[in-house]
Amino acid sequence: MQNLQLTSDGRLRHLITLAGLPRAVIERVLDRAEAMRRDSRDGARPLDLLAGRTLINLFFEPSTRTRTSFDLAAQRLGALVINFDIERSSTVKGESLLDTIHTLEAMHCDAFVVRHKESGTPETIARHLRSHACVLNAGDGSHAHPTQGLLDALTLRRRVGDFSRLSVVVCGDIRHSRVARSDVDVLRTLGVRDLRLCAPPELLPAPGTAEFAQCTLFHNFDDAVAGCDAAIMLRLQKERMEAAAIPSEADYFARYGLTAARLARAKPGCLVMHPGPINRNVEIADDVADGAQSLILEQVANGVFARMAVLAELLGGSAA
């Protein structure tokens, strides 16, 4: 995968996963996101780094935050954005995904942002391109969501600085979560040593799952959150899990919901995060989601700058 994602001189060619990406590459993207925040005056001033470039959003699953922030990121960099209408395309006539991609390549598109329910689809596209276009994974099945991992790392870095001193708990539907995988990848690469995963047994990763090998697994959320610096809550992936995976939403909230009482068990000032969309009072209580320790809306804002940085790395050449 590293040979697919990186050029011979170590720069990004595609972004499919954060697994295996060198720390220097990740830190360069995070630094560039900060520079773009500054240069664009928090997004108020457009930049023209990608003028003349064309980005196509290929979303085969619903999305609000990711699709909108990719739109804004590309537009603020001066690129033309095409939101590909899957329901009105030739895919409904039986055209294969790769034939669709090759057709779009023939129109001289520069980048494809791909969200798909099947794990591995963005990698398959990247391996079969016939042009110099790049592929950005906007979430594939339960495999990876690399730009979410980057924006979460950016959000934490702006608050804490030194990752090596952090204790972070990720709680929720770990087994089906591409966000959990990308967060674990990026936080481990950036030096977090105490990574805790908490979920009901049915929603924890299967025994021996390699990407979670260095994490501590918990079934009891009260124990998992104790002494933590940050709590990343996850959405229940109802569309990917068996109906019987949890007995009821009320029972789940009682055992695994982040309430003010549970948050008090963490370190004072423990940061609260959630990739969204939130199922309120199922994964997280209203007063915690909207409280002073919540970074949820900061994550949304940082998503635009993280995606601007990735697009600039892939399409815009070296940073100034």
Protein backbone atom coordinates (compact mmCIF):
# COMPACT_ATOMS: atom_id res chain seq x y z
CA MET A 1 0.00 0.00 0.00
CA GLN A 2 2.86 2.40 0.75
CA ASN A 3 4.12 2.04 -2.84
CA LEU A 4 0.61 2.92 -4.06
CA GLN A 5 0.17 5.94 -1.78
CA LEU A 6 3.61 7.52 -1.96
CA THR A 7 5.78 8.72 -4.83
CA SER A 8 9.43 7.71 -5.08
CA ASP A 9 10.42 10.90 -3.23
CA GLY A 10 8.01 10.23 -0.36
CA ARG A 11 5.13 12.54 -1.28
CA LEU A 12 1.47 11.57 -1.36
CA ARG A 13 0.22 10.08 -4.64
CA HIS A 14 -3.14 8.80 -3.32
CA LEU A 15 -4.69 8.77 0.15
CA ILE A 16 -6.32 5.41 0.78
CA THR A 17 -5.42 4.71 4.42
CA LEU A 18 -3.30 6.14 7.23
CA ALA A 19 -1.97 2.69 8.09
CA GLY A 20 1.74 2.60 7.37
CA LEU A 21 2.07 6.26 6.38
CA PRO A 22 5.31 7.71 7.78
CA ARG A 23 4.99 10.14 10.67
CA ALA A 24 6.77 12.81 8.64
CA VAL A 25 4.08 12.67 5.93
CA ILE A 26 1.27 12.95 8.48
CA GLU A 27 2.93 15.83 10.30
CA ARG A 28 3.56 17.63 7.00
CA VAL A 29 -0.15 17.43 6.17
CA LEU A 30 -1.10 18.68 9.66
CA ASP A 31 1.41 21.54 9.40
CA ARG A 32 0.03 22.44 5.98
CA ALA A 33 -3.52 22.46 7.36
CA GLU A 34 -2.44 24.99 9.98
CA ALA A 35 -0.72 27.11 7.34
CA MET A 36 -3.86 27.09 5.20
CA ARG A 37 -5.96 28.13 8.15
CA ARG A 38 -3.62 31.09 8.61
CA ASP A 39 -3.25 31.98 4.93
CA SER A 40 -6.99 31.78 4.28
CA ARG A 41 -7.77 33.75 7.44
CA ASP A 42 -9.82 30.89 8.88
CA GLY A 43 -11.43 30.24 5.51
CA ALA A 44 -12.52 33.81 4.78
CA ARG A 45 -9.92 34.37 2.07
CA PRO A 46 -9.87 32.00 -0.95
CA LEU A 47 -6.57 30.57 -2.18
CA ASP A 48 -5.87 29.80 -5.84
CA LEU A 49 -3.43 26.95 -5.46
CA LEU A 50 -5.60 24.50 -7.43
CA ALA A 51 -6.96 26.86 -10.09
CA GLY A 52 -7.63 24.87 -13.27
CA ARG A 53 -7.86 21.54 -11.46
CA THR A 54 -11.03 19.40 -11.42
CA LEU A 55 -12.20 17.27 -8.50
CA ILE A 56 -15.04 14.76 -8.76
CA ASN A 57 -16.96 13.61 -5.69
CA LEU A 58 -18.07 10.00 -6.10
CA PHE A 59 -20.26 9.29 -3.07
CA PHE A 60 -22.04 5.95 -3.14
CA GLU A 61 -23.17 6.44 0.47
CA PRO A 62 -24.89 9.40 2.16
CA SER A 63 -22.67 12.11 3.65
CA THR A 64 -23.09 15.60 5.07
CA ARG A 65 -19.81 16.56 6.74
CA THR A 66 -17.29 14.79 4.52
CA ARG A 67 -18.84 15.68 1.17
CA THR A 68 -19.54 19.31 2.09
CA SER A 69 -16.08 19.84 3.55
CA PHE A 70 -14.40 18.35 0.46
CA ASP A 71 -16.54 20.72 -1.65
CA LEU A 72 -15.50 23.72 0.44
CA ALA A 73 -11.86 22.64 0.62
CA ALA A 74 -11.56 22.31 -3.16
CA GLN A 75 -13.47 25.51 -3.88
CA ARG A 76 -11.40 27.52 -1.40
CA LEU A 77 -8.32 26.31 -3.25
CA GLY A 78 -9.78 27.41 -6.59
CA ALA A 79 -10.60 23.98 -8.03
CA LEU A 80 -13.69 23.07 -10.02
CA VAL A 81 -15.87 20.58 -8.13
CA ILE A 82 -18.24 18.11 -9.77
CA ASN A 83 -20.63 16.21 -7.51
CA PHE A 84 -21.25 13.07 -9.53
CA ASP A 85 -24.93 12.10 -9.46
CA ILE A 86 -24.84 8.33 -9.00
CA GLU A 87 -28.60 7.91 -9.39
CA ARG A 88 -28.58 9.65 -12.79
CA SER A 89 -25.39 8.11 -14.11
CA SER A 90 -24.79 5.16 -16.41
CA THR A 91 -24.02 2.98 -13.40
CA VAL A 92 -27.78 2.46 -13.06
CA LYS A 93 -27.72 1.06 -16.63
CA GLY A 94 -25.15 -1.52 -15.64
CA GLU A 95 -21.92 0.30 -16.44
CA SER A 96 -19.12 -0.99 -14.21
CA LEU A 97 -17.47 1.30 -11.69
CA LEU A 98 -14.11 1.11 -13.45
CA ASP A 99 -15.67 1.93 -16.83
CA THR A 100 -17.26 4.97 -15.19
CA ILE A 101 -13.88 6.00 -13.77
CA HIS A 102 -12.13 5.58 -17.11
CA THR A 103 -14.84 7.66 -18.80
CA LEU A 104 -14.31 10.47 -16.31
CA GLU A 105 -10.53 10.17 -16.68
CA ALA A 106 -10.93 10.73 -20.42
CA MET A 107 -12.44 14.13 -19.56
CA HIS A 108 -9.16 15.07 -17.83
CA CYS A 109 -10.28 15.01 -14.20
CA ASP A 110 -7.52 15.42 -11.63
CA ALA A 111 -8.90 13.81 -8.47
CA PHE A 112 -11.61 11.41 -7.37
CA VAL A 113 -13.01 11.57 -3.84
CA VAL A 114 -14.62 8.19 -3.24
CA ARG A 115 -17.01 6.99 -0.56
CA HIS A 116 -18.28 3.43 -0.94
CA LYS A 117 -19.95 0.78 1.20
CA GLU A 118 -17.47 -1.87 0.06
CA SER A 119 -14.07 -1.92 1.76
CA GLY A 120 -11.23 -1.66 -0.73
CA THR A 121 -13.07 0.22 -3.49
CA PRO A 122 -10.85 3.35 -3.46
CA GLU A 123 -7.73 1.16 -3.59
CA THR A 124 -9.15 -0.79 -6.54
CA ILE A 125 -9.82 2.47 -8.39
CA ALA A 126 -6.33 3.79 -7.66
CA ARG A 127 -4.71 0.60 -8.95
CA HIS A 128 -6.66 0.73 -12.23
CA LEU A 129 -6.29 4.39 -13.16
CA ARG A 130 -5.02 5.13 -16.65
CA SER A 131 -4.09 8.74 -15.94
CA HIS A 132 -2.23 10.83 -13.37
CA ALA A 133 -5.43 11.47 -11.39
CA CYS A 134 -5.31 10.83 -7.66
CA VAL A 135 -7.78 9.02 -5.40
CA LEU A 136 -8.87 10.16 -1.94
CA ASN A 137 -10.71 7.73 0.26
CA ALA A 138 -13.72 9.43 1.88
CA GLY A 139 -14.68 6.25 3.73
CA ASP A 140 -14.86 2.68 2.46
CA GLY A 141 -16.94 0.10 4.31
CA SER A 142 -15.42 -0.57 7.71
CA HIS A 143 -11.85 -0.22 6.37
CA ALA A 144 -10.65 3.39 6.63
CA HIS A 145 -11.59 7.06 6.73
CA PRO A 146 -8.18 8.73 6.50
CA THR A 147 -9.22 12.38 6.32
CA GLN A 148 -11.36 11.89 9.44
CA GLY A 149 -8.30 10.52 11.20
CA LEU A 150 -6.27 13.52 10.07
CA LEU A 151 -8.85 16.07 11.19
CA ASP A 152 -9.20 14.32 14.56
CA ALA A 153 -5.41 14.42 14.99
CA LEU A 154 -5.38 18.09 13.97
CA THR A 155 -8.10 18.87 16.51
CA LEU A 156 -6.22 17.15 19.33
CA ARG A 157 -2.86 18.65 18.33
CA ARG A 158 -4.25 22.17 18.53
CA ARG A 159 -5.25 21.48 22.14
CA VAL A 160 -2.60 19.19 23.59
CA GLY A 161 0.60 19.32 21.54
CA ASP A 162 2.48 16.28 22.90
CA PHE A 163 0.72 13.07 21.88
CA SER A 164 3.06 10.82 23.86
CA ARG A 165 1.53 11.92 27.17
CA LEU A 166 -2.07 11.27 26.13
CA SER A 167 -4.49 8.60 27.27
CA VAL A 168 -7.28 8.28 24.70
CA VAL A 169 -10.39 6.10 24.84
CA VAL A 170 -12.40 5.28 21.74
CA CYS A 171 -15.86 4.03 22.66
CA GLY A 172 -18.66 2.62 20.54
CA ASP A 173 -19.05 0.37 17.56
CA ILE A 174 -15.36 -0.39 17.09
CA ARG A 175 -15.87 -3.52 14.99
CA HIS A 176 -17.67 -1.74 12.14
CA SER A 177 -15.96 1.66 12.41
CA ARG A 178 -13.63 2.94 9.71
CA VAL A 179 -13.16 6.04 11.90
CA ALA A 180 -11.84 3.93 14.78
CA ARG A 181 -9.31 2.27 12.50
CA SER A 182 -8.04 5.54 11.05
CA ASP A 183 -7.94 7.23 14.46
CA VAL A 184 -5.95 4.36 15.92
CA ASP A 185 -3.57 4.44 12.93
CA VAL A 186 -2.87 8.16 13.17
CA LEU A 187 -2.73 8.44 16.96
CA ARG A 188 -0.38 5.49 17.27
CA THR A 189 1.88 6.94 14.54
CA LEU A 190 1.93 10.30 16.33
CA GLY A 191 3.04 8.68 19.56
CA VAL A 192 -0.04 7.98 21.71
CA ARG A 193 0.94 5.04 23.90
CA ASP A 194 -2.24 4.56 25.93
CA LEU A 195 -5.02 3.80 23.43
CA ARG A 196 -8.12 2.19 24.90
CA LEU A 197 -11.04 0.67 22.99
CA CYS A 198 -14.37 0.13 24.73
CA ALA A 199 -17.54 -1.53 23.46
CA PRO A 200 -19.93 -4.38 24.15
CA PRO A 201 -18.24 -7.70 23.31
CA GLU A 202 -20.27 -7.95 20.09
CA LEU A 203 -18.91 -4.61 18.87
CA LEU A 204 -15.26 -5.02 19.79
CA PRO A 205 -12.83 -6.16 17.08
CA ALA A 206 -12.48 -9.88 16.58
CA PRO A 207 -9.65 -11.47 18.60
CA GLY A 208 -6.30 -11.10 16.89
CA THR A 209 -7.33 -8.13 14.72
CA ALA A 210 -3.90 -6.78 13.76
CA GLU A 211 -4.69 -3.05 13.53
CA PHE A 212 -5.86 -2.99 17.15
CA ALA A 213 -3.09 -5.18 18.55
CA GLN A 214 -1.47 -2.39 20.60
CA CYS A 215 -4.73 -1.14 22.13
CA THR A 216 -6.20 -2.11 25.50
CA LEU A 217 -9.73 -3.51 25.22
CA PHE A 218 -12.47 -2.76 27.74
CA HIS A 219 -16.07 -3.88 28.18
CA ASN A 220 -16.72 -1.51 31.10
CA PHE A 221 -16.84 2.14 30.05
CA ASP A 222 -16.50 3.45 33.61
CA ASP A 223 -13.11 1.70 33.79
CA ALA A 224 -12.09 2.68 30.26
CA VAL A 225 -12.70 6.41 30.66
CA ALA A 226 -11.00 6.70 34.05
CA GLY A 227 -8.01 9.05 33.86
CA CYS A 228 -8.32 9.72 30.13
CA ASP A 229 -7.30 12.96 28.42
CA ALA A 230 -9.68 12.51 25.48
CA ALA A 231 -12.78 10.46 24.73
CA ILE A 232 -13.68 9.76 21.10
CA MET A 233 -17.26 8.53 20.86
CA LEU A 234 -18.45 6.60 17.81
CA ARG A 235 -21.77 6.33 16.05
CA LEU A 236 -23.55 3.00 16.20
CA GLN A 237 -23.18 1.68 12.65
CA LYS A 238 -26.75 0.38 12.46
CA GLU A 239 -26.51 -0.11 8.69
CA ARG A 240 -23.53 -2.47 9.11
CA MET A 241 -24.41 -4.43 12.26
CA GLU A 242 -26.81 -7.25 12.98
CA ALA A 243 -30.11 -6.06 14.43
CA ALA A 244 -29.48 -8.02 17.62
CA ALA A 245 -26.00 -6.56 18.25
CA ILE A 246 -27.33 -4.39 21.08
CA PRO A 247 -30.42 -5.15 23.19
CA SER A 248 -31.80 -1.57 23.02
CA GLU A 249 -30.61 1.99 22.59
CA ALA A 250 -31.61 2.81 26.18
CA ASP A 251 -29.57 -0.10 27.51
CA TYR A 252 -26.61 0.89 25.34
CA PHE A 253 -26.73 4.47 26.64
CA ALA A 254 -26.89 3.25 30.24
CA ARG A 255 -23.74 1.16 29.76
CA TYR A 256 -21.75 3.01 27.08
CA GLY A 257 -23.15 6.52 26.70
CA LEU A 258 -20.89 9.42 27.66
CA THR A 259 -22.70 11.25 30.45
CA ALA A 260 -21.49 14.05 32.70
CA ALA A 261 -21.07 11.52 35.52
CA ARG A 262 -18.84 9.30 33.36
CA LEU A 263 -16.90 12.28 32.05
CA ALA A 264 -16.10 13.21 35.67
CA ARG A 265 -14.14 9.94 35.95
CA ALA A 266 -11.72 11.16 33.28
CA LYS A 267 -8.97 13.73 33.85
CA PRO A 268 -10.19 17.28 34.49
CA GLY A 269 -10.77 18.97 31.14
CA CYS A 270 -10.98 15.68 29.25
CA LEU A 271 -11.67 16.49 25.59
CA VAL A 272 -14.83 15.07 24.02
CA MET A 273 -14.97 14.15 20.33
CA HIS A 274 -17.41 12.49 17.93
CA PRO A 275 -17.13 12.20 14.13
CA GLY A 276 -20.89 12.65 13.64
CA PRO A 277 -23.64 12.25 12.94
CA ILE A 278 -24.50 11.99 16.64
CA ASN A 279 -27.25 9.81 18.00
CA ARG A 280 -27.97 12.00 21.00
CA ASN A 281 -28.65 10.26 24.29
CA VAL A 282 -27.56 6.97 22.73
CA GLU A 283 -23.81 7.54 22.34
CA ILE A 284 -23.49 10.85 24.15
CA ALA A 285 -25.68 12.96 26.42
CA ASP A 286 -26.92 16.35 25.24
CA ASP A 287 -25.15 18.28 27.98
CA VAL A 288 -21.83 16.61 27.16
CA ALA A 289 -22.16 16.99 23.37
CA ASP A 290 -22.90 20.68 23.84
CA GLY A 291 -20.64 21.21 26.86
CA ALA A 292 -17.47 23.20 27.36
CA GLN A 293 -15.22 20.15 26.85
CA SER A 294 -16.77 19.18 23.52
CA LEU A 295 -14.68 19.61 20.37
CA ILE A 296 -17.31 18.21 18.02
CA LEU A 297 -17.89 21.41 16.05
CA GLU A 298 -14.17 22.15 16.06
CA GLN A 299 -13.71 18.79 14.36
CA VAL A 300 -16.14 19.86 11.66
CA ALA A 301 -14.30 23.14 11.10
CA ASN A 302 -10.90 21.44 11.10
CA GLY A 303 -12.16 18.97 8.51
CA VAL A 304 -12.12 21.67 5.84
CA PHE A 305 -8.50 22.63 6.54
CA ALA A 306 -7.33 19.02 6.80
CA ARG A 307 -8.91 18.27 3.43
CA MET A 308 -7.47 21.44 1.90
CA ALA A 309 -4.05 20.26 3.04
CA VAL A 310 -4.50 16.79 1.56
CA LEU A 311 -5.69 18.22 -1.76
CA ALA A 312 -2.75 20.61 -1.81
CA GLU A 313 -0.31 17.76 -1.11
CA LEU A 314 -1.77 15.66 -3.90
CA LEU A 315 -2.43 18.31 -6.54
CA GLY A 316 -0.65 21.50 -5.61
CA GLY A 317 3.02 20.65 -5.38
CA SER A 318 5.27 21.61 -2.51
CA ALA A 319 4.25 23.98 0.24
CA ALA A 320 5.45 27.55 -0.04
